Amino acid sequence: MASSEQFARLRRAEPVLITEAAPSLADQHAARKRRYVITMAVRLVSVVLAAAFYQVLWLAITFAVLGTLLPWIAVVMANDRPPKKKTDPHRYRPPAPDRILDDPAATRRALEPGRVIEH
């Protein structure tokens, strides 16, 4: 027979996601940090390109404006949480009834005593 330690090794390190739960806060934070670093790397490249193209004025100004605006954009993106998913999870829905049941009050009226129906 296998021991419980052998079964523990066979299990996955992370549980399988079976719900519509949002990613963990650590995963969200890591994604925001990654986005910030990428945006700031693009900013660094644009500042270097602005310095490299100082003789072409319109190109240097374009890269300089981009290098000026990207830090603000990076901070706003890093502080923003991810949007909620718009997916509709597959949930159990009981089947619709085949017919609508009769009104119990109507049935009761037909069975009231003292009511005579003549032919």
C-alpha atoms as a PDB file:
ATOM      1  CA  MET A   1       0.000   0.000   0.000  1.00  0.00           C
ATOM      2  CA  ALA A   2       1.108   3.514  -0.676  1.00  0.00           C
ATOM      3  CA  SER A   3       1.720   5.833   2.223  1.00  0.00           C
ATOM      4  CA  SER A   4       0.180   9.275   2.602  1.00  0.00           C
ATOM      5  CA  GLU A   5       3.574  10.842   1.828  1.00  0.00           C
ATOM      6  CA  GLN A   6       3.553   9.267  -1.639  1.00  0.00           C
ATOM      7  CA  PHE A   7       0.074  10.650  -2.312  1.00  0.00           C
ATOM      8  CA  ALA A   8       1.198  14.083  -1.117  1.00  0.00           C
ATOM      9  CA  ARG A   9       3.978  14.067  -3.711  1.00  0.00           C
ATOM     10  CA  LEU A  10       1.507  13.214  -6.466  1.00  0.00           C
ATOM     11  CA  ARG A  11      -0.729  16.188  -5.678  1.00  0.00           C
ATOM     12  CA  ARG A  12      -0.298  19.442  -7.521  1.00  0.00           C
ATOM     13  CA  ALA A  13       1.550  22.320  -5.908  1.00  0.00           C
ATOM     14  CA  GLU A  14      -1.299  24.758  -6.631  1.00  0.00           C
ATOM     15  CA  PRO A  15      -4.992  23.962  -6.520  1.00  0.00           C
ATOM     16  CA  VAL A  16      -6.974  23.874  -9.734  1.00  0.00           C
ATOM     17  CA  LEU A  17      -9.151  26.947 -10.201  1.00  0.00           C
ATOM     18  CA  ILE A  18     -12.729  25.742 -10.461  1.00  0.00           C
ATOM     19  CA  THR A  19     -14.568  28.922  -9.542  1.00  0.00           C
ATOM     20  CA  GLU A  20     -14.908  32.366 -10.995  1.00  0.00           C
ATOM     21  CA  ALA A  21     -12.692  33.823  -8.274  1.00  0.00           C
ATOM     22  CA  ALA A  22     -10.371  36.694  -9.143  1.00  0.00           C
ATOM     23  CA  PRO A  23      -6.604  36.147  -9.228  1.00  0.00           C
ATOM     24  CA  SER A  24      -4.876  36.437  -5.892  1.00  0.00           C
ATOM     25  CA  LEU A  25      -3.613  39.799  -4.692  1.00  0.00           C
ATOM     26  CA  ALA A  26      -0.014  38.618  -5.094  1.00  0.00           C
ATOM     27  CA  ASP A  27      -0.649  37.717  -8.753  1.00  0.00           C
ATOM     28  CA  GLN A  28      -2.347  41.066  -9.381  1.00  0.00           C
ATOM     29  CA  HIS A  29       0.552  42.931  -7.735  1.00  0.00           C
ATOM     30  CA  ALA A  30       3.126  41.027  -9.805  1.00  0.00           C
ATOM     31  CA  ALA A  31       1.248  41.838 -13.023  1.00  0.00           C
ATOM     32  CA  ARG A  32       1.071  45.547 -12.106  1.00  0.00           C
ATOM     33  CA  LYS A  33       4.793  45.640 -11.302  1.00  0.00           C
ATOM     34  CA  ARG A  34       5.579  43.962 -14.625  1.00  0.00           C
ATOM     35  CA  ARG A  35       3.434  46.530 -16.494  1.00  0.00           C
ATOM     36  CA  TYR A  36       5.163  49.405 -14.642  1.00  0.00           C
ATOM     37  CA  VAL A  37       8.651  48.124 -15.474  1.00  0.00           C
ATOM     38  CA  ILE A  38       7.769  47.677 -19.154  1.00  0.00           C
ATOM     39  CA  THR A  39       6.284  51.188 -19.370  1.00  0.00           C
ATOM     40  CA  MET A  40       9.310  52.734 -17.703  1.00  0.00           C
ATOM     41  CA  ALA A  41      11.633  50.816 -20.059  1.00  0.00           C
ATOM     42  CA  VAL A  42       9.738  52.304 -23.017  1.00  0.00           C
ATOM     43  CA  ARG A  43      10.146  55.724 -21.376  1.00  0.00           C
ATOM     44  CA  LEU A  44      13.905  55.215 -21.036  1.00  0.00           C
ATOM     45  CA  VAL A  45      14.165  54.260 -24.702  1.00  0.00           C
ATOM     46  CA  SER A  46      12.124  57.303 -25.752  1.00  0.00           C
ATOM     47  CA  VAL A  47      14.323  59.686 -23.715  1.00  0.00           C
ATOM     48  CA  VAL A  48      17.467  58.173 -25.263  1.00  0.00           C
ATOM     49  CA  LEU A  49      15.924  58.478 -28.739  1.00  0.00           C
ATOM     50  CA  ALA A  50      14.987  62.115 -28.021  1.00  0.00           C
ATOM     51  CA  ALA A  51      18.633  62.810 -27.205  1.00  0.00           C
ATOM     52  CA  ALA A  52      19.827  60.880 -30.251  1.00  0.00           C
ATOM     53  CA  PHE A  53      17.534  62.762 -32.674  1.00  0.00           C
ATOM     54  CA  TYR A  54      18.220  66.264 -31.346  1.00  0.00           C
ATOM     55  CA  GLN A  55      18.935  67.494 -34.883  1.00  0.00           C
ATOM     56  CA  VAL A  56      15.469  66.449 -36.163  1.00  0.00           C
ATOM     57  CA  LEU A  57      13.386  68.760 -34.010  1.00  0.00           C
ATOM     58  CA  TRP A  58       9.913  67.284 -34.527  1.00  0.00           C
ATOM     59  CA  LEU A  59      11.174  63.762 -33.793  1.00  0.00           C
ATOM     60  CA  ALA A  60      13.098  64.867 -30.701  1.00  0.00           C
ATOM     61  CA  ILE A  61      10.023  66.723 -29.361  1.00  0.00           C
ATOM     62  CA  THR A  62       7.809  63.671 -29.990  1.00  0.00           C
ATOM     63  CA  PHE A  63      10.145  61.376 -28.049  1.00  0.00           C
ATOM     64  CA  ALA A  64      10.591  63.984 -25.293  1.00  0.00           C
ATOM     65  CA  VAL A  65       6.820  64.379 -24.837  1.00  0.00           C
ATOM     66  CA  LEU A  66       6.440  60.612 -24.765  1.00  0.00           C
ATOM     67  CA  GLY A  67       9.219  60.353 -22.166  1.00  0.00           C
ATOM     68  CA  THR A  68       7.518  63.049 -20.101  1.00  0.00           C
ATOM     69  CA  LEU A  69       4.028  61.518 -20.134  1.00  0.00           C
ATOM     70  CA  LEU A  70       4.946  57.860 -19.667  1.00  0.00           C
ATOM     71  CA  PRO A  71       5.818  58.071 -15.921  1.00  0.00           C
ATOM     72  CA  TRP A  72       2.343  59.423 -15.143  1.00  0.00           C
ATOM     73  CA  ILE A  73       0.746  56.735 -17.320  1.00  0.00           C
ATOM     74  CA  ALA A  74       2.872  54.037 -15.661  1.00  0.00           C
ATOM     75  CA  VAL A  75       1.817  55.090 -12.160  1.00  0.00           C
ATOM     76  CA  VAL A  76      -1.864  55.226 -13.091  1.00  0.00           C
ATOM     77  CA  MET A  77      -1.664  51.775 -14.684  1.00  0.00           C
ATOM     78  CA  ALA A  78       0.258  50.333 -11.718  1.00  0.00           C
ATOM     79  CA  ASN A  79      -2.347  51.573  -9.238  1.00  0.00           C
ATOM     80  CA  ASP A  80      -5.310  50.331 -11.246  1.00  0.00           C
ATOM     81  CA  ARG A  81      -6.808  46.952 -10.401  1.00  0.00           C
ATOM     82  CA  PRO A  82      -7.707  44.575 -13.230  1.00  0.00           C
ATOM     83  CA  PRO A  83     -11.242  44.751 -14.590  1.00  0.00           C
ATOM     84  CA  LYS A  84     -13.798  42.176 -13.515  1.00  0.00           C
ATOM     85  CA  LYS A  85     -14.377  39.368 -15.945  1.00  0.00           C
ATOM     86  CA  LYS A  86     -17.592  39.507 -17.934  1.00  0.00           C
ATOM     87  CA  THR A  87     -17.837  35.752 -18.412  1.00  0.00           C
ATOM     88  CA  ASP A  88     -20.962  33.885 -17.432  1.00  0.00           C
ATOM     89  CA  PRO A  89     -19.956  30.814 -15.435  1.00  0.00           C
ATOM     90  CA  HIS A  90     -21.755  27.589 -16.149  1.00  0.00           C
ATOM     91  CA  ARG A  91     -23.996  27.144 -13.150  1.00  0.00           C
ATOM     92  CA  TYR A  92     -26.613  24.511 -12.481  1.00  0.00           C
ATOM     93  CA  ARG A  93     -30.078  25.664 -13.375  1.00  0.00           C
ATOM     94  CA  PRO A  94     -32.963  23.356 -12.544  1.00  0.00           C
ATOM     95  CA  PRO A  95     -34.993  22.356 -15.582  1.00  0.00           C
ATOM     96  CA  ALA A  96     -38.164  24.322 -16.281  1.00  0.00           C
ATOM     97  CA  PRO A  97     -41.385  22.526 -15.387  1.00  0.00           C
ATOM     98  CA  ASP A  98     -43.250  20.839 -18.229  1.00  0.00           C
ATOM     99  CA  ARG A  99     -46.545  22.497 -17.351  1.00  0.00           C
ATOM    100  CA  ILE A 100     -47.851  25.076 -14.951  1.00  0.00           C
ATOM    101  CA  LEU A 101     -49.822  23.603 -12.085  1.00  0.00           C
ATOM    102  CA  ASP A 102     -53.478  24.490 -11.826  1.00  0.00           C
ATOM    103  CA  ASP A 103     -54.589  27.174  -9.408  1.00  0.00           C
ATOM    104  CA  PRO A 104     -55.579  25.411  -6.147  1.00  0.00           C
ATOM    105  CA  ALA A 105     -58.327  27.998  -5.467  1.00  0.00           C
ATOM    106  CA  ALA A 106     -60.103  27.084  -8.712  1.00  0.00           C
ATOM    107  CA  THR A 107     -60.010  23.416  -7.831  1.00  0.00           C
ATOM    108  CA  ARG A 108     -61.388  24.112  -4.352  1.00  0.00           C
ATOM    109  CA  ARG A 109     -64.386  26.030  -5.760  1.00  0.00           C
ATOM    110  CA  ALA A 110     -65.461  23.034  -7.810  1.00  0.00           C
ATOM    111  CA  LEU A 111     -65.425  20.775  -4.733  1.00  0.00           C
ATOM    112  CA  GLU A 112     -67.309  23.074  -2.330  1.00  0.00           C
ATOM    113  CA  PRO A 113     -70.252  21.362  -0.621  1.00  0.00           C
ATOM    114  CA  GLY A 114     -73.728  22.711  -1.178  1.00  0.00           C
ATOM    115  CA  ARG A 115     -73.155  23.611  -4.767  1.00  0.00           C
ATOM    116  CA  VAL A 116     -75.469  21.794  -7.102  1.00  0.00           C
ATOM    117  CA  ILE A 117     -74.967  21.630 -10.807  1.00  0.00           C
ATOM    118  CA  GLU A 118     -78.116  20.778 -12.712  1.00  0.00           C
ATOM    119  CA  HIS A 119     -78.195  19.311 -16.140  1.00  0.00           C
END
